[in-house]
Amino acid sequence: FIGSYTVMALLENGHQVVGIDSINDYYD
């Protein structure tokens, strides 16, 4: 939730972003 929004905000500010996530099944 928070990570996906943070990526977009940083990209809009001109930064280069590398994101990681396990994509586990804690929720859908």
mmCIF file of all heavy atoms, coordinates in Angstrom:
data_MODEL
# 
_entry.id   MODEL 
# 
loop_
_atom_site.group_PDB 
_atom_site.id 
_atom_site.type_symbol 
_atom_site.label_atom_id 
_atom_site.label_alt_id 
_atom_site.label_comp_id 
_atom_site.label_asym_id 
_atom_site.label_entity_id 
_atom_site.label_seq_id 
_atom_site.pdbx_PDB_ins_code 
_atom_site.Cartn_x 
_atom_site.Cartn_y 
_atom_site.Cartn_z 
_atom_site.occupancy 
_atom_site.B_iso_or_equiv 
_atom_site.pdbx_formal_charge 
_atom_site.auth_seq_id 
_atom_site.auth_comp_id 
_atom_site.auth_asym_id 
_atom_site.auth_atom_id 
_atom_site.pdbx_PDB_model_num 
ATOM 1   N N   . PHE A 1 1  ? 0.821  -1.210  0.000   1.00 0.00 ? 1  PHE A N   1 
ATOM 2   C CA  . PHE A 1 1  ? 0.000  0.000   0.000   1.00 0.00 ? 1  PHE A CA  1 
ATOM 3   C C   . PHE A 1 1  ? 0.855  1.261   0.000   1.00 0.00 ? 1  PHE A C   1 
ATOM 4   O O   . PHE A 1 1  ? 0.877  2.034   -0.972  1.00 0.00 ? 1  PHE A O   1 
ATOM 5   C CB  . PHE A 1 1  ? -0.921 -0.058  1.216   1.00 0.00 ? 1  PHE A CB  1 
ATOM 6   C CG  . PHE A 1 1  ? -1.836 1.112   1.399   1.00 0.00 ? 1  PHE A CG  1 
ATOM 7   C CD1 . PHE A 1 1  ? -2.295 1.863   0.323   1.00 0.00 ? 1  PHE A CD1 1 
ATOM 8   C CD2 . PHE A 1 1  ? -2.288 1.454   2.674   1.00 0.00 ? 1  PHE A CD2 1 
ATOM 9   C CE1 . PHE A 1 1  ? -3.172 2.932   0.502   1.00 0.00 ? 1  PHE A CE1 1 
ATOM 10  C CE2 . PHE A 1 1  ? -3.155 2.513   2.863   1.00 0.00 ? 1  PHE A CE2 1 
ATOM 11  C CZ  . PHE A 1 1  ? -3.594 3.253   1.785   1.00 0.00 ? 1  PHE A CZ  1 
ATOM 12  N N   . ILE A 1 2  ? 1.601  1.483   1.059   1.00 0.00 ? 2  ILE A N   1 
ATOM 13  C CA  . ILE A 1 2  ? 2.400  2.707   1.177   1.00 0.00 ? 2  ILE A CA  1 
ATOM 14  C C   . ILE A 1 2  ? 3.542  2.706   0.171   1.00 0.00 ? 2  ILE A C   1 
ATOM 15  O O   . ILE A 1 2  ? 3.858  3.734   -0.438  1.00 0.00 ? 2  ILE A O   1 
ATOM 16  C CB  . ILE A 1 2  ? 2.937  2.874   2.613   1.00 0.00 ? 2  ILE A CB  1 
ATOM 17  C CG1 . ILE A 1 2  ? 1.767  2.937   3.614   1.00 0.00 ? 2  ILE A CG1 1 
ATOM 18  C CG2 . ILE A 1 2  ? 3.796  4.137   2.737   1.00 0.00 ? 2  ILE A CG2 1 
ATOM 19  C CD1 . ILE A 1 2  ? 2.200  2.933   5.070   1.00 0.00 ? 2  ILE A CD1 1 
ATOM 20  N N   . GLY A 1 3  ? 4.146  1.545   -0.043  1.00 0.00 ? 3  GLY A N   1 
ATOM 21  C CA  . GLY A 1 3  ? 5.267  1.456   -0.969  1.00 0.00 ? 3  GLY A CA  1 
ATOM 22  C C   . GLY A 1 3  ? 4.905  1.831   -2.386  1.00 0.00 ? 3  GLY A C   1 
ATOM 23  O O   . GLY A 1 3  ? 5.674  2.518   -3.075  1.00 0.00 ? 3  GLY A O   1 
ATOM 24  N N   . SER A 1 4  ? 3.728  1.395   -2.857  1.00 0.00 ? 4  SER A N   1 
ATOM 25  C CA  . SER A 1 4  ? 3.330  1.692   -4.235  1.00 0.00 ? 4  SER A CA  1 
ATOM 26  C C   . SER A 1 4  ? 3.133  3.185   -4.440  1.00 0.00 ? 4  SER A C   1 
ATOM 27  O O   . SER A 1 4  ? 3.503  3.739   -5.481  1.00 0.00 ? 4  SER A O   1 
ATOM 28  C CB  . SER A 1 4  ? 2.053  0.926   -4.587  1.00 0.00 ? 4  SER A CB  1 
ATOM 29  O OG  . SER A 1 4  ? 0.964  1.296   -3.760  1.00 0.00 ? 4  SER A OG  1 
ATOM 30  N N   . TYR A 1 5  ? 2.566  3.866   -3.457  1.00 0.00 ? 5  TYR A N   1 
ATOM 31  C CA  . TYR A 1 5  ? 2.382  5.314   -3.540  1.00 0.00 ? 5  TYR A CA  1 
ATOM 32  C C   . TYR A 1 5  ? 3.729  6.043   -3.463  1.00 0.00 ? 5  TYR A C   1 
ATOM 33  O O   . TYR A 1 5  ? 3.946  7.040   -4.147  1.00 0.00 ? 5  TYR A O   1 
ATOM 34  C CB  . TYR A 1 5  ? 1.491  5.802   -2.402  1.00 0.00 ? 5  TYR A CB  1 
ATOM 35  C CG  . TYR A 1 5  ? 0.007  5.727   -2.658  1.00 0.00 ? 5  TYR A CG  1 
ATOM 36  C CD1 . TYR A 1 5  ? -0.695 4.548   -2.443  1.00 0.00 ? 5  TYR A CD1 1 
ATOM 37  C CD2 . TYR A 1 5  ? -0.712 6.837   -3.092  1.00 0.00 ? 5  TYR A CD2 1 
ATOM 38  C CE1 . TYR A 1 5  ? -2.073 4.474   -2.654  1.00 0.00 ? 5  TYR A CE1 1 
ATOM 39  C CE2 . TYR A 1 5  ? -2.083 6.785   -3.304  1.00 0.00 ? 5  TYR A CE2 1 
ATOM 40  C CZ  . TYR A 1 5  ? -2.755 5.597   -3.088  1.00 0.00 ? 5  TYR A CZ  1 
ATOM 41  O OH  . TYR A 1 5  ? -4.113 5.533   -3.298  1.00 0.00 ? 5  TYR A OH  1 
ATOM 42  N N   . THR A 1 6  ? 4.621  5.541   -2.606  1.00 0.00 ? 6  THR A N   1 
ATOM 43  C CA  . THR A 1 6  ? 5.919  6.191   -2.433  1.00 0.00 ? 6  THR A CA  1 
ATOM 44  C C   . THR A 1 6  ? 6.728  6.146   -3.725  1.00 0.00 ? 6  THR A C   1 
ATOM 45  O O   . THR A 1 6  ? 7.390  7.127   -4.095  1.00 0.00 ? 6  THR A O   1 
ATOM 46  C CB  . THR A 1 6  ? 6.703  5.518   -1.288  1.00 0.00 ? 6  THR A CB  1 
ATOM 47  O OG1 . THR A 1 6  ? 5.954  5.636   -0.075  1.00 0.00 ? 6  THR A OG1 1 
ATOM 48  C CG2 . THR A 1 6  ? 8.070  6.159   -1.098  1.00 0.00 ? 6  THR A CG2 1 
ATOM 49  N N   . VAL A 1 7  ? 6.673  5.024   -4.420  1.00 0.00 ? 7  VAL A N   1 
ATOM 50  C CA  . VAL A 1 7  ? 7.363  4.906   -5.712  1.00 0.00 ? 7  VAL A CA  1 
ATOM 51  C C   . VAL A 1 7  ? 6.914  6.009   -6.658  1.00 0.00 ? 7  VAL A C   1 
ATOM 52  O O   . VAL A 1 7  ? 7.732  6.699   -7.278  1.00 0.00 ? 7  VAL A O   1 
ATOM 53  C CB  . VAL A 1 7  ? 7.102  3.524   -6.355  1.00 0.00 ? 7  VAL A CB  1 
ATOM 54  C CG1 . VAL A 1 7  ? 7.484  3.533   -7.829  1.00 0.00 ? 7  VAL A CG1 1 
ATOM 55  C CG2 . VAL A 1 7  ? 7.887  2.449   -5.624  1.00 0.00 ? 7  VAL A CG2 1 
ATOM 56  N N   . MET A 1 8  ? 5.592  6.183   -6.787  1.00 0.00 ? 8  MET A N   1 
ATOM 57  C CA  . MET A 1 8  ? 5.067  7.179   -7.722  1.00 0.00 ? 8  MET A CA  1 
ATOM 58  C C   . MET A 1 8  ? 5.500  8.588   -7.334  1.00 0.00 ? 8  MET A C   1 
ATOM 59  O O   . MET A 1 8  ? 5.851  9.407   -8.196  1.00 0.00 ? 8  MET A O   1 
ATOM 60  C CB  . MET A 1 8  ? 3.539  7.088   -7.787  1.00 0.00 ? 8  MET A CB  1 
ATOM 61  C CG  . MET A 1 8  ? 3.025  5.754   -8.314  1.00 0.00 ? 8  MET A CG  1 
ATOM 62  S SD  . MET A 1 8  ? 3.754  5.296   -9.911  1.00 0.00 ? 8  MET A SD  1 
ATOM 63  C CE  . MET A 1 8  ? 3.197  6.659   -10.928 1.00 0.00 ? 8  MET A CE  1 
ATOM 64  N N   . ALA A 1 9  ? 5.492  8.883   -6.050  1.00 0.00 ? 9  ALA A N   1 
ATOM 65  C CA  . ALA A 1 9  ? 5.896  10.223  -5.594  1.00 0.00 ? 9  ALA A CA  1 
ATOM 66  C C   . ALA A 1 9  ? 7.369  10.486  -5.892  1.00 0.00 ? 9  ALA A C   1 
ATOM 67  O O   . ALA A 1 9  ? 7.743  11.582  -6.327  1.00 0.00 ? 9  ALA A O   1 
ATOM 68  C CB  . ALA A 1 9  ? 5.622  10.365  -4.098  1.00 0.00 ? 9  ALA A CB  1 
ATOM 69  N N   . LEU A 1 10 ? 8.214  9.489   -5.675  1.00 0.00 ? 10 LEU A N   1 
ATOM 70  C CA  . LEU A 1 10 ? 9.644  9.662   -5.938  1.00 0.00 ? 10 LEU A CA  1 
ATOM 71  C C   . LEU A 1 10 ? 9.920  9.797   -7.428  1.00 0.00 ? 10 LEU A C   1 
ATOM 72  O O   . LEU A 1 10 ? 10.768 10.594  -7.845  1.00 0.00 ? 10 LEU A O   1 
ATOM 73  C CB  . LEU A 1 10 ? 10.426 8.478   -5.358  1.00 0.00 ? 10 LEU A CB  1 
ATOM 74  C CG  . LEU A 1 10 ? 10.463 8.397   -3.827  1.00 0.00 ? 10 LEU A CG  1 
ATOM 75  C CD1 . LEU A 1 10 ? 11.108 7.094   -3.373  1.00 0.00 ? 10 LEU A CD1 1 
ATOM 76  C CD2 . LEU A 1 10 ? 11.210 9.587   -3.222  1.00 0.00 ? 10 LEU A CD2 1 
ATOM 77  N N   . LEU A 1 11 ? 9.213  9.020   -8.241  1.00 0.00 ? 11 LEU A N   1 
ATOM 78  C CA  . LEU A 1 11 ? 9.371  9.139   -9.691  1.00 0.00 ? 11 LEU A CA  1 
ATOM 79  C C   . LEU A 1 11 ? 8.948  10.521  -10.177 1.00 0.00 ? 11 LEU A C   1 
ATOM 80  O O   . LEU A 1 11 ? 9.606  11.128  -11.028 1.00 0.00 ? 11 LEU A O   1 
ATOM 81  C CB  . LEU A 1 11 ? 8.559  8.056   -10.404 1.00 0.00 ? 11 LEU A CB  1 
ATOM 82  C CG  . LEU A 1 11 ? 9.059  6.610   -10.245 1.00 0.00 ? 11 LEU A CG  1 
ATOM 83  C CD1 . LEU A 1 11 ? 8.044  5.633   -10.817 1.00 0.00 ? 11 LEU A CD1 1 
ATOM 84  C CD2 . LEU A 1 11 ? 10.427 6.430   -10.910 1.00 0.00 ? 11 LEU A CD2 1 
ATOM 85  N N   . GLU A 1 12 ? 7.852  11.028  -9.618  1.00 0.00 ? 12 GLU A N   1 
ATOM 86  C CA  . GLU A 1 12 ? 7.380  12.363  -9.992  1.00 0.00 ? 12 GLU A CA  1 
ATOM 87  C C   . GLU A 1 12 ? 8.386  13.441  -9.617  1.00 0.00 ? 12 GLU A C   1 
ATOM 88  O O   . GLU A 1 12 ? 8.454  14.493  -10.262 1.00 0.00 ? 12 GLU A O   1 
ATOM 89  C CB  . GLU A 1 12 ? 6.033  12.649  -9.315  1.00 0.00 ? 12 GLU A CB  1 
ATOM 90  C CG  . GLU A 1 12 ? 4.876  11.846  -9.914  1.00 0.00 ? 12 GLU A CG  1 
ATOM 91  C CD  . GLU A 1 12 ? 3.608  11.954  -9.094  1.00 0.00 ? 12 GLU A CD  1 
ATOM 92  O OE1 . GLU A 1 12 ? 3.602  12.727  -8.105  1.00 0.00 ? 12 GLU A OE1 1 
ATOM 93  O OE2 . GLU A 1 12 ? 2.623  11.257  -9.422  1.00 0.00 ? 12 GLU A OE2 1 
ATOM 94  N N   . ASN A 1 13 ? 9.195  13.165  -8.599  1.00 0.00 ? 13 ASN A N   1 
ATOM 95  C CA  . ASN A 1 13 ? 10.227 14.122  -8.183  1.00 0.00 ? 13 ASN A CA  1 
ATOM 96  C C   . ASN A 1 13 ? 11.537 13.942  -8.945  1.00 0.00 ? 13 ASN A C   1 
ATOM 97  O O   . ASN A 1 13 ? 12.539 14.585  -8.628  1.00 0.00 ? 13 ASN A O   1 
ATOM 98  C CB  . ASN A 1 13 ? 10.489 13.985  -6.679  1.00 0.00 ? 13 ASN A CB  1 
ATOM 99  C CG  . ASN A 1 13 ? 9.360  14.573  -5.846  1.00 0.00 ? 13 ASN A CG  1 
ATOM 100 O OD1 . ASN A 1 13 ? 8.494  15.275  -6.362  1.00 0.00 ? 13 ASN A OD1 1 
ATOM 101 N ND2 . ASN A 1 13 ? 9.357  14.284  -4.550  1.00 0.00 ? 13 ASN A ND2 1 
ATOM 102 N N   . GLY A 1 14 ? 11.525 13.033  -9.939  1.00 0.00 ? 14 GLY A N   1 
ATOM 103 C CA  . GLY A 1 14 ? 12.690 12.888  -10.800 1.00 0.00 ? 14 GLY A CA  1 
ATOM 104 C C   . GLY A 1 14 ? 13.721 11.877  -10.363 1.00 0.00 ? 14 GLY A C   1 
ATOM 105 O O   . GLY A 1 14 ? 14.809 11.793  -10.961 1.00 0.00 ? 14 GLY A O   1 
ATOM 106 N N   . HIS A 1 15 ? 13.430 11.085  -9.331  1.00 0.00 ? 15 HIS A N   1 
ATOM 107 C CA  . HIS A 1 15 ? 14.388 10.096  -8.857  1.00 0.00 ? 15 HIS A CA  1 
ATOM 108 C C   . HIS A 1 15 ? 14.291 8.802   -9.665  1.00 0.00 ? 15 HIS A C   1 
ATOM 109 O O   . HIS A 1 15 ? 13.257 8.504   -10.269 1.00 0.00 ? 15 HIS A O   1 
ATOM 110 C CB  . HIS A 1 15 ? 14.155 9.785   -7.379  1.00 0.00 ? 15 HIS A CB  1 
ATOM 111 C CG  . HIS A 1 15 ? 14.285 10.981  -6.489  1.00 0.00 ? 15 HIS A CG  1 
ATOM 112 N ND1 . HIS A 1 15 ? 15.474 11.669  -6.356  1.00 0.00 ? 15 HIS A ND1 1 
ATOM 113 C CD2 . HIS A 1 15 ? 13.382 11.611  -5.701  1.00 0.00 ? 15 HIS A CD2 1 
ATOM 114 C CE1 . HIS A 1 15 ? 15.298 12.681  -5.509  1.00 0.00 ? 15 HIS A CE1 1 
ATOM 115 N NE2 . HIS A 1 15 ? 14.026 12.668  -5.103  1.00 0.00 ? 15 HIS A NE2 1 
ATOM 116 N N   . GLN A 1 16 ? 15.362 8.027   -9.627  1.00 0.00 ? 16 GLN A N   1 
ATOM 117 C CA  . GLN A 1 16 ? 15.344 6.683   -10.178 1.00 0.00 ? 16 GLN A CA  1 
ATOM 118 C C   . GLN A 1 16 ? 15.047 5.731   -9.029  1.00 0.00 ? 16 GLN A C   1 
ATOM 119 O O   . GLN A 1 16 ? 15.627 5.852   -7.944  1.00 0.00 ? 16 GLN A O   1 
ATOM 120 C CB  . GLN A 1 16 ? 16.702 6.348   -10.799 1.00 0.00 ? 16 GLN A CB  1 
ATOM 121 C CG  . GLN A 1 16 ? 16.761 4.992   -11.479 1.00 0.00 ? 16 GLN A CG  1 
ATOM 122 C CD  . GLN A 1 16 ? 18.113 4.725   -12.123 1.00 0.00 ? 16 GLN A CD  1 
ATOM 123 O OE1 . GLN A 1 16 ? 18.981 5.597   -12.136 1.00 0.00 ? 16 GLN A OE1 1 
ATOM 124 N NE2 . GLN A 1 16 ? 18.298 3.525   -12.639 1.00 0.00 ? 16 GLN A NE2 1 
ATOM 125 N N   . VAL A 1 17 ? 14.119 4.781   -9.236  1.00 0.00 ? 17 VAL A N   1 
ATOM 126 C CA  . VAL A 1 17 ? 13.679 3.904   -8.164  1.00 0.00 ? 17 VAL A CA  1 
ATOM 127 C C   . VAL A 1 17 ? 13.823 2.442   -8.554  1.00 0.00 ? 17 VAL A C   1 
ATOM 128 O O   . VAL A 1 17 ? 13.447 2.028   -9.653  1.00 0.00 ? 17 VAL A O   1 
ATOM 129 C CB  . VAL A 1 17 ? 12.204 4.182   -7.791  1.00 0.00 ? 17 VAL A CB  1 
ATOM 130 C CG1 . VAL A 1 17 ? 11.738 3.216   -6.691  1.00 0.00 ? 17 VAL A CG1 1 
ATOM 131 C CG2 . VAL A 1 17 ? 12.023 5.623   -7.335  1.00 0.00 ? 17 VAL A CG2 1 
ATOM 132 N N   . VAL A 1 18 ? 14.380 1.665   -7.642  1.00 0.00 ? 18 VAL A N   1 
ATOM 133 C CA  . VAL A 1 18 ? 14.364 0.212   -7.741  1.00 0.00 ? 18 VAL A CA  1 
ATOM 134 C C   . VAL A 1 18 ? 13.483 -0.290  -6.600  1.00 0.00 ? 18 VAL A C   1 
ATOM 135 O O   . VAL A 1 18 ? 13.707 0.074   -5.434  1.00 0.00 ? 18 VAL A O   1 
ATOM 136 C CB  . VAL A 1 18 ? 15.772 -0.399  -7.618  1.00 0.00 ? 18 VAL A CB  1 
ATOM 137 C CG1 . VAL A 1 18 ? 15.694 -1.926  -7.619  1.00 0.00 ? 18 VAL A CG1 1 
ATOM 138 C CG2 . VAL A 1 18 ? 16.669 0.095   -8.747  1.00 0.00 ? 18 VAL A CG2 1 
ATOM 139 N N   . GLY A 1 19 ? 12.467 -1.078  -6.924  1.00 0.00 ? 19 GLY A N   1 
ATOM 140 C CA  . GLY A 1 19 ? 11.540 -1.579  -5.913  1.00 0.00 ? 19 GLY A CA  1 
ATOM 141 C C   . GLY A 1 19 ? 11.668 -3.076  -5.744  1.00 0.00 ? 19 GLY A C   1 
ATOM 142 O O   . GLY A 1 19 ? 11.952 -3.801  -6.704  1.00 0.00 ? 19 GLY A O   1 
ATOM 143 N N   . ILE A 1 20 ? 11.497 -3.538  -4.519  1.00 0.00 ? 20 ILE A N   1 
ATOM 144 C CA  . ILE A 1 20 ? 11.447 -4.976  -4.271  1.00 0.00 ? 20 ILE A CA  1 
ATOM 145 C C   . ILE A 1 20 ? 10.223 -5.303  -3.418  1.00 0.00 ? 20 ILE A C   1 
ATOM 146 O O   . ILE A 1 20 ? 9.728  -4.462  -2.665  1.00 0.00 ? 20 ILE A O   1 
ATOM 147 C CB  . ILE A 1 20 ? 12.717 -5.521  -3.579  1.00 0.00 ? 20 ILE A CB  1 
ATOM 148 C CG1 . ILE A 1 20 ? 12.873 -4.946  -2.162  1.00 0.00 ? 20 ILE A CG1 1 
ATOM 149 C CG2 . ILE A 1 20 ? 13.956 -5.249  -4.421  1.00 0.00 ? 20 ILE A CG2 1 
ATOM 150 C CD1 . ILE A 1 20 ? 13.970 -5.641  -1.349  1.00 0.00 ? 20 ILE A CD1 1 
ATOM 151 N N   . ASP A 1 21 ? 9.732  -6.523  -3.565  1.00 0.00 ? 21 ASP A N   1 
ATOM 152 C CA  . ASP A 1 21 ? 8.605  -7.015  -2.777  1.00 0.00 ? 21 ASP A CA  1 
ATOM 153 C C   . ASP A 1 21 ? 8.553  -8.523  -2.941  1.00 0.00 ? 21 ASP A C   1 
ATOM 154 O O   . ASP A 1 21 ? 8.855  -9.044  -4.022  1.00 0.00 ? 21 ASP A O   1 
ATOM 155 C CB  . ASP A 1 21 ? 7.295  -6.387  -3.258  1.00 0.00 ? 21 ASP A CB  1 
ATOM 156 C CG  . ASP A 1 21 ? 6.179  -6.475  -2.233  1.00 0.00 ? 21 ASP A CG  1 
ATOM 157 O OD1 . ASP A 1 21 ? 5.724  -7.612  -1.956  1.00 0.00 ? 21 ASP A OD1 1 
ATOM 158 O OD2 . ASP A 1 21 ? 5.761  -5.439  -1.703  1.00 0.00 ? 21 ASP A OD2 1 
ATOM 159 N N   . SER A 1 22 ? 8.133  -9.231  -1.899  1.00 0.00 ? 22 SER A N   1 
ATOM 160 C CA  . SER A 1 22 ? 8.023  -10.686 -1.989  1.00 0.00 ? 22 SER A CA  1 
ATOM 161 C C   . SER A 1 22 ? 6.718  -11.115 -2.665  1.00 0.00 ? 22 SER A C   1 
ATOM 162 O O   . SER A 1 22 ? 6.600  -12.245 -3.141  1.00 0.00 ? 22 SER A O   1 
ATOM 163 C CB  . SER A 1 22 ? 8.093  -11.316 -0.598  1.00 0.00 ? 22 SER A CB  1 
ATOM 164 O OG  . SER A 1 22 ? 6.949  -10.965 0.169   1.00 0.00 ? 22 SER A OG  1 
ATOM 165 N N   . ILE A 1 23 ? 5.724  -10.213 -2.702  1.00 0.00 ? 23 ILE A N   1 
ATOM 166 C CA  . ILE A 1 23 ? 4.380  -10.508 -3.218  1.00 0.00 ? 23 ILE A CA  1 
ATOM 167 C C   . ILE A 1 23 ? 3.831  -11.762 -2.527  1.00 0.00 ? 23 ILE A C   1 
ATOM 168 O O   . ILE A 1 23 ? 3.376  -12.715 -3.177  1.00 0.00 ? 23 ILE A O   1 
ATOM 169 C CB  . ILE A 1 23 ? 4.343  -10.662 -4.759  1.00 0.00 ? 23 ILE A CB  1 
ATOM 170 C CG1 . ILE A 1 23 ? 5.220  -9.604  -5.449  1.00 0.00 ? 23 ILE A CG1 1 
ATOM 171 C CG2 . ILE A 1 23 ? 2.917  -10.564 -5.279  1.00 0.00 ? 23 ILE A CG2 1 
ATOM 172 C CD1 . ILE A 1 23 ? 5.200  -9.674  -6.966  1.00 0.00 ? 23 ILE A CD1 1 
ATOM 173 N N   . ASN A 1 24 ? 3.881  -11.776 -1.198  1.00 0.00 ? 24 ASN A N   1 
ATOM 174 C CA  . ASN A 1 24 ? 3.376  -12.940 -0.471  1.00 0.00 ? 24 ASN A CA  1 
ATOM 175 C C   . ASN A 1 24 ? 1.851  -12.955 -0.431  1.00 0.00 ? 24 ASN A C   1 
ATOM 176 O O   . ASN A 1 24 ? 1.190  -12.039 -0.930  1.00 0.00 ? 24 ASN A O   1 
ATOM 177 C CB  . ASN A 1 24 ? 3.977  -13.011 0.944   1.00 0.00 ? 24 ASN A CB  1 
ATOM 178 C CG  . ASN A 1 24 ? 3.535  -11.856 1.837   1.00 0.00 ? 24 ASN A CG  1 
ATOM 179 O OD1 . ASN A 1 24 ? 2.473  -11.262 1.645   1.00 0.00 ? 24 ASN A OD1 1 
ATOM 180 N ND2 . ASN A 1 24 ? 4.349  -11.528 2.823   1.00 0.00 ? 24 ASN A ND2 1 
ATOM 181 N N   . ASP A 1 25 ? 1.288  -13.994 0.173   1.00 0.00 ? 25 ASP A N   1 
ATOM 182 C CA  . ASP A 1 25 ? -0.161 -14.151 0.173   1.00 0.00 ? 25 ASP A CA  1 
ATOM 183 C C   . ASP A 1 25 ? -0.802 -13.802 1.515   1.00 0.00 ? 25 ASP A C   1 
ATOM 184 O O   . ASP A 1 25 ? -1.875 -14.319 1.839   1.00 0.00 ? 25 ASP A O   1 
ATOM 185 C CB  . ASP A 1 25 ? -0.537 -15.574 -0.242  1.00 0.00 ? 25 ASP A CB  1 
ATOM 186 C CG  . ASP A 1 25 ? 0.026  -16.629 0.710   1.00 0.00 ? 25 ASP A CG  1 
ATOM 187 O OD1 . ASP A 1 25 ? 0.729  -16.253 1.672   1.00 0.00 ? 25 ASP A OD1 1 
ATOM 188 O OD2 . ASP A 1 25 ? -0.251 -17.825 0.494   1.00 0.00 ? 25 ASP A OD2 1 
ATOM 189 N N   . TYR A 1 26 ? -0.168 -12.927 2.291   1.00 0.00 ? 26 TYR A N   1 
ATOM 190 C CA  . TYR A 1 26 ? -0.787 -12.470 3.547   1.00 0.00 ? 26 TYR A CA  1 
ATOM 191 C C   . TYR A 1 26 ? -2.175 -11.895 3.277   1.00 0.00 ? 26 TYR A C   1 
ATOM 192 O O   . TYR A 1 26 ? -3.102 -12.096 4.031   1.00 0.00 ? 26 TYR A O   1 
ATOM 193 C CB  . TYR A 1 26 ? 0.125  -11.440 4.222   1.00 0.00 ? 26 TYR A CB  1 
ATOM 194 C CG  . TYR A 1 26 ? -0.538 -10.689 5.359   1.00 0.00 ? 26 TYR A CG  1 
ATOM 195 C CD1 . TYR A 1 26 ? -1.002 -11.363 6.478   1.00 0.00 ? 26 TYR A CD1 1 
ATOM 196 C CD2 . TYR A 1 26 ? -0.703 -9.300  5.302   1.00 0.00 ? 26 TYR A CD2 1 
ATOM 197 C CE1 . TYR A 1 26 ? -1.625 -10.681 7.516   1.00 0.00 ? 26 TYR A CE1 1 
ATOM 198 C CE2 . TYR A 1 26 ? -1.315 -8.624  6.329   1.00 0.00 ? 26 TYR A CE2 1 
ATOM 199 C CZ  . TYR A 1 26 ? -1.780 -9.310  7.432   1.00 0.00 ? 26 TYR A CZ  1 
ATOM 200 O OH  . TYR A 1 26 ? -2.401 -8.635  8.458   1.00 0.00 ? 26 TYR A OH  1 
ATOM 201 N N   . TYR A 1 27 ? -2.308 -11.136 2.197   1.00 0.00 ? 27 TYR A N   1 
ATOM 202 C CA  . TYR A 1 27 ? -3.618 -10.788 1.652   1.00 0.00 ? 27 TYR A CA  1 
ATOM 203 C C   . TYR A 1 27 ? -3.551 -10.943 0.144   1.00 0.00 ? 27 TYR A C   1 
ATOM 204 O O   . TYR A 1 27 ? -2.497 -11.232 -0.420  1.00 0.00 ? 27 TYR A O   1 
ATOM 205 C CB  . TYR A 1 27 ? -4.087 -9.396  2.099   1.00 0.00 ? 27 TYR A CB  1 
ATOM 206 C CG  . TYR A 1 27 ? -3.223 -8.230  1.684   1.00 0.00 ? 27 TYR A CG  1 
ATOM 207 C CD1 . TYR A 1 27 ? -3.265 -7.710  0.401   1.00 0.00 ? 27 TYR A CD1 1 
ATOM 208 C CD2 . TYR A 1 27 ? -2.365 -7.613  2.604   1.00 0.00 ? 27 TYR A CD2 1 
ATOM 209 C CE1 . TYR A 1 27 ? -2.486 -6.628  0.023   1.00 0.00 ? 27 TYR A CE1 1 
ATOM 210 C CE2 . TYR A 1 27 ? -1.573 -6.531  2.235   1.00 0.00 ? 27 TYR A CE2 1 
ATOM 211 C CZ  . TYR A 1 27 ? -1.655 -6.045  0.944   1.00 0.00 ? 27 TYR A CZ  1 
ATOM 212 O OH  . TYR A 1 27 ? -0.874 -4.985  0.563   1.00 0.00 ? 27 TYR A OH  1 
ATOM 213 N N   . ASP A 1 28 ? -4.661 -10.767 -0.528  1.00 0.00 ? 28 ASP A N   1 
ATOM 214 C CA  . ASP A 1 28 ? -4.834 -11.058 -1.945  1.00 0.00 ? 28 ASP A CA  1 
ATOM 215 C C   . ASP A 1 28 ? -3.679 -10.552 -2.820  1.00 0.00 ? 28 ASP A C   1 
ATOM 216 O O   . ASP A 1 28 ? -3.520 -9.350  -3.018  1.00 0.00 ? 28 ASP A O   1 
ATOM 217 C CB  . ASP A 1 28 ? -6.148 -10.431 -2.421  1.00 0.00 ? 28 ASP A CB  1 
ATOM 218 C CG  . ASP A 1 28 ? -6.474 -10.769 -3.864  1.00 0.00 ? 28 ASP A CG  1 
ATOM 219 O OD1 . ASP A 1 28 ? -5.788 -11.628 -4.435  1.00 0.00 ? 28 ASP A OD1 1 
ATOM 220 O OD2 . ASP A 1 28 ? -7.416 -10.160 -4.400  1.00 0.00 ? 28 ASP A OD2 1 
# 
